């Protein structure tokens, strides 16, 4: 599987970027990347599988970036968040150019969470757990069509 998903775009282009990631991840395998909260277990599982080979982070950076972007898009679609470009201080703090902003204004770093899962492992670094513990989630997705994965 080719795991180079290209340069990470800005917040305005993240939805299209993630759609390309999902297309590439599912072109040969019937993986259930359906933007559901349950699909985040698959992200954890894939990262754990990659960890077993003990590659350097740089060797799998493209895959981690793609899985982190997918995680962020699930948060956008399911929790009412939106993609946000990080300013210089946030980029330095999070090590990423984009993240998600919750309806209450809190900012989260799903791309960094996937890197942490890879580098540190363990249940406390689970991206599914991140979603379940998110503060500031909307009660319903802002766009009903987004909940369907359209």
Protein backbone atom coordinates (compact mmCIF):
# COMPACT_ATOMS: atom_id res chain seq x y z
CA UNK A 1 0.00 0.00 0.00
CA UNK A 2 1.40 3.39 -0.99
CA UNK A 3 1.31 5.52 2.14
CA UNK A 4 2.51 8.86 0.80
CA UNK A 5 -0.57 11.06 0.82
CA UNK A 6 1.26 14.22 -0.24
CA UNK A 7 1.56 17.56 1.43
CA UNK A 8 -1.00 18.26 4.11
CA UNK A 9 -3.26 21.09 2.91
CA UNK A 10 -4.70 23.95 4.88
CA UNK A 11 -7.95 23.69 6.79
CA UNK A 12 -10.11 24.72 3.82
CA UNK A 13 -8.97 21.72 1.77
CA UNK A 14 -8.88 19.02 4.46
CA UNK A 15 -12.20 17.35 3.56
CA UNK A 16 -11.03 16.73 -0.02
CA UNK A 17 -7.62 15.58 1.21
CA UNK A 18 -9.20 13.06 3.58
CA UNK A 19 -11.48 11.76 0.82
CA UNK A 20 -8.32 11.00 -1.19
CA UNK A 21 -6.75 9.27 1.82
CA UNK A 22 -9.83 7.08 2.26
CA UNK A 23 -9.90 6.25 -1.47
CA UNK A 24 -6.26 5.15 -1.37
CA UNK A 25 -6.60 3.17 1.86
CA UNK A 26 -9.65 1.30 0.61
CA UNK A 27 -8.75 0.76 -3.07
CA UNK A 28 -7.35 -2.73 -2.47
CA UNK A 29 -8.92 -3.62 0.85
CA UNK A 30 -12.49 -3.39 2.06
CA UNK A 31 -11.63 -1.40 5.15
CA UNK A 32 -14.59 0.25 6.89
CA UNK A 33 -13.42 3.86 6.76
CA UNK A 34 -16.98 5.19 6.93
CA UNK A 35 -16.36 8.26 9.11
CA UNK A 36 -18.05 6.61 12.08
CA UNK A 37 -16.75 6.82 15.63
CA UNK A 38 -16.39 3.02 15.53
CA UNK A 39 -14.02 3.33 12.55
CA UNK A 40 -11.52 5.04 14.83
CA UNK A 41 -10.81 1.59 16.30
CA UNK A 42 -9.48 0.70 12.85
CA UNK A 43 -7.11 3.67 13.01
CA UNK A 44 -5.80 2.46 16.38
CA UNK A 45 -5.48 -1.08 15.02
CA UNK A 46 -3.58 0.06 11.92
CA UNK A 47 -1.17 2.22 13.91
CA UNK A 48 -0.54 -0.64 16.33
CA UNK A 49 0.16 -2.97 13.40
CA UNK A 50 2.68 -0.54 11.92
CA UNK A 51 4.37 -0.18 15.33
CA UNK A 52 5.07 -3.91 15.47
CA UNK A 53 7.57 -3.56 12.63
CA UNK A 54 9.44 -0.89 14.64
CA UNK A 55 9.99 1.53 11.77
CA UNK A 56 11.28 5.04 12.34
CA UNK A 57 8.53 7.66 12.46
CA UNK A 58 9.84 9.21 9.23
CA UNK A 59 9.37 5.93 7.38
CA UNK A 60 5.63 5.93 8.10
CA UNK A 61 4.99 9.67 8.41
CA UNK A 62 2.72 9.74 5.35
CA UNK A 63 0.49 6.99 6.69
CA UNK A 64 0.34 8.60 10.13
CA UNK A 65 -0.55 11.94 8.54
CA UNK A 66 -3.33 10.34 6.51
CA UNK A 67 -4.75 8.47 9.51
CA UNK A 68 -4.54 11.62 11.64
CA UNK A 69 -6.39 13.61 8.99
CA UNK A 70 -9.05 10.89 8.82
CA UNK A 71 -9.39 11.04 12.62
CA UNK A 72 -9.85 14.79 12.42
CA UNK A 73 -12.50 14.46 9.74
CA UNK A 74 -14.44 12.02 11.93
CA UNK A 75 -14.36 14.63 14.69
CA UNK A 76 -15.52 17.29 12.24
CA UNK A 77 -18.42 15.17 10.98
CA UNK A 78 -19.50 13.60 14.26
CA UNK A 79 -18.76 16.22 16.90
CA UNK A 80 -19.63 19.43 15.06
CA UNK A 81 -16.02 20.62 14.90
CA UNK A 82 -14.36 22.35 11.97
CA UNK A 83 -10.85 22.29 10.57
CA UNK A 84 -8.66 25.18 11.71
CA UNK A 85 -5.27 26.38 10.54
CA UNK A 86 -2.90 26.70 13.46
CA UNK A 87 -1.02 29.93 14.03
CA UNK A 88 2.76 29.90 14.58
CA UNK A 89 2.54 29.29 18.34
CA UNK A 90 0.02 26.44 17.93
CA UNK A 91 2.13 24.90 15.13
CA UNK A 92 5.12 24.89 17.45
CA UNK A 93 3.12 23.49 20.36
CA UNK A 94 1.28 20.79 18.39
CA UNK A 95 3.85 20.05 15.69
CA UNK A 96 1.09 20.21 13.05
CA UNK A 97 -0.22 22.94 10.73
CA UNK A 98 -3.93 22.14 11.20
CA UNK A 99 -6.26 20.79 13.83
CA UNK A 100 -9.92 20.85 14.73
CA UNK A 101 -11.85 23.49 16.64
CA UNK A 102 -14.83 22.35 18.67
CA UNK A 103 -18.11 24.28 18.88
CA UNK A 104 -17.04 25.61 22.31
CA UNK A 105 -13.76 26.96 20.87
CA UNK A 106 -11.39 24.28 22.18
CA UNK A 107 -8.71 23.14 19.76
CA UNK A 108 -7.63 19.50 19.37
CA UNK A 109 -4.74 17.91 17.51
CA UNK A 110 -5.86 14.58 15.99
CA UNK A 111 -2.82 14.37 13.68
CA UNK A 112 -0.51 14.59 16.66
CA UNK A 113 -2.60 12.04 18.55
CA UNK A 114 -1.99 9.46 15.81
CA UNK A 115 1.76 10.17 15.99
CA UNK A 116 1.60 9.73 19.77
CA UNK A 117 -0.22 6.42 19.32
CA UNK A 118 2.60 5.30 17.05
CA UNK A 119 5.45 6.56 19.21
CA UNK A 120 4.06 5.80 22.68
CA UNK A 121 1.35 3.18 22.16
CA UNK A 122 -1.04 2.24 24.91
CA UNK A 123 -4.74 2.74 25.49
CA UNK A 124 -4.31 6.33 26.71
CA UNK A 125 -3.13 7.24 23.20
CA UNK A 126 -6.18 5.74 21.46
CA UNK A 127 -7.80 7.99 18.86
CA UNK A 128 -11.18 6.41 19.56
CA UNK A 129 -10.72 7.24 23.22
CA UNK A 130 -9.76 10.80 22.24
CA UNK A 131 -13.11 11.17 20.50
CA UNK A 132 -15.06 9.70 23.40
CA UNK A 133 -13.34 12.04 25.87
CA UNK A 134 -13.66 15.20 23.73
CA UNK A 135 -15.01 18.19 25.56
CA UNK A 136 -17.17 20.66 23.67
CA UNK A 137 -18.85 18.23 21.27
CA UNK A 138 -22.07 19.33 19.60
CA UNK A 139 -25.06 17.22 20.52
CA UNK A 140 -25.65 16.58 16.83
CA UNK A 141 -23.45 17.11 13.78
CA UNK A 142 -23.87 20.60 12.37
CA UNK A 143 -24.63 19.29 8.87
CA UNK A 144 -26.95 16.25 8.76
CA UNK A 145 -25.46 15.24 5.39
CA UNK A 146 -22.01 15.06 6.99
CA UNK A 147 -23.21 12.39 9.40
CA UNK A 148 -24.00 10.16 6.43
CA UNK A 149 -20.48 10.50 5.06
CA UNK A 150 -21.58 12.47 1.98
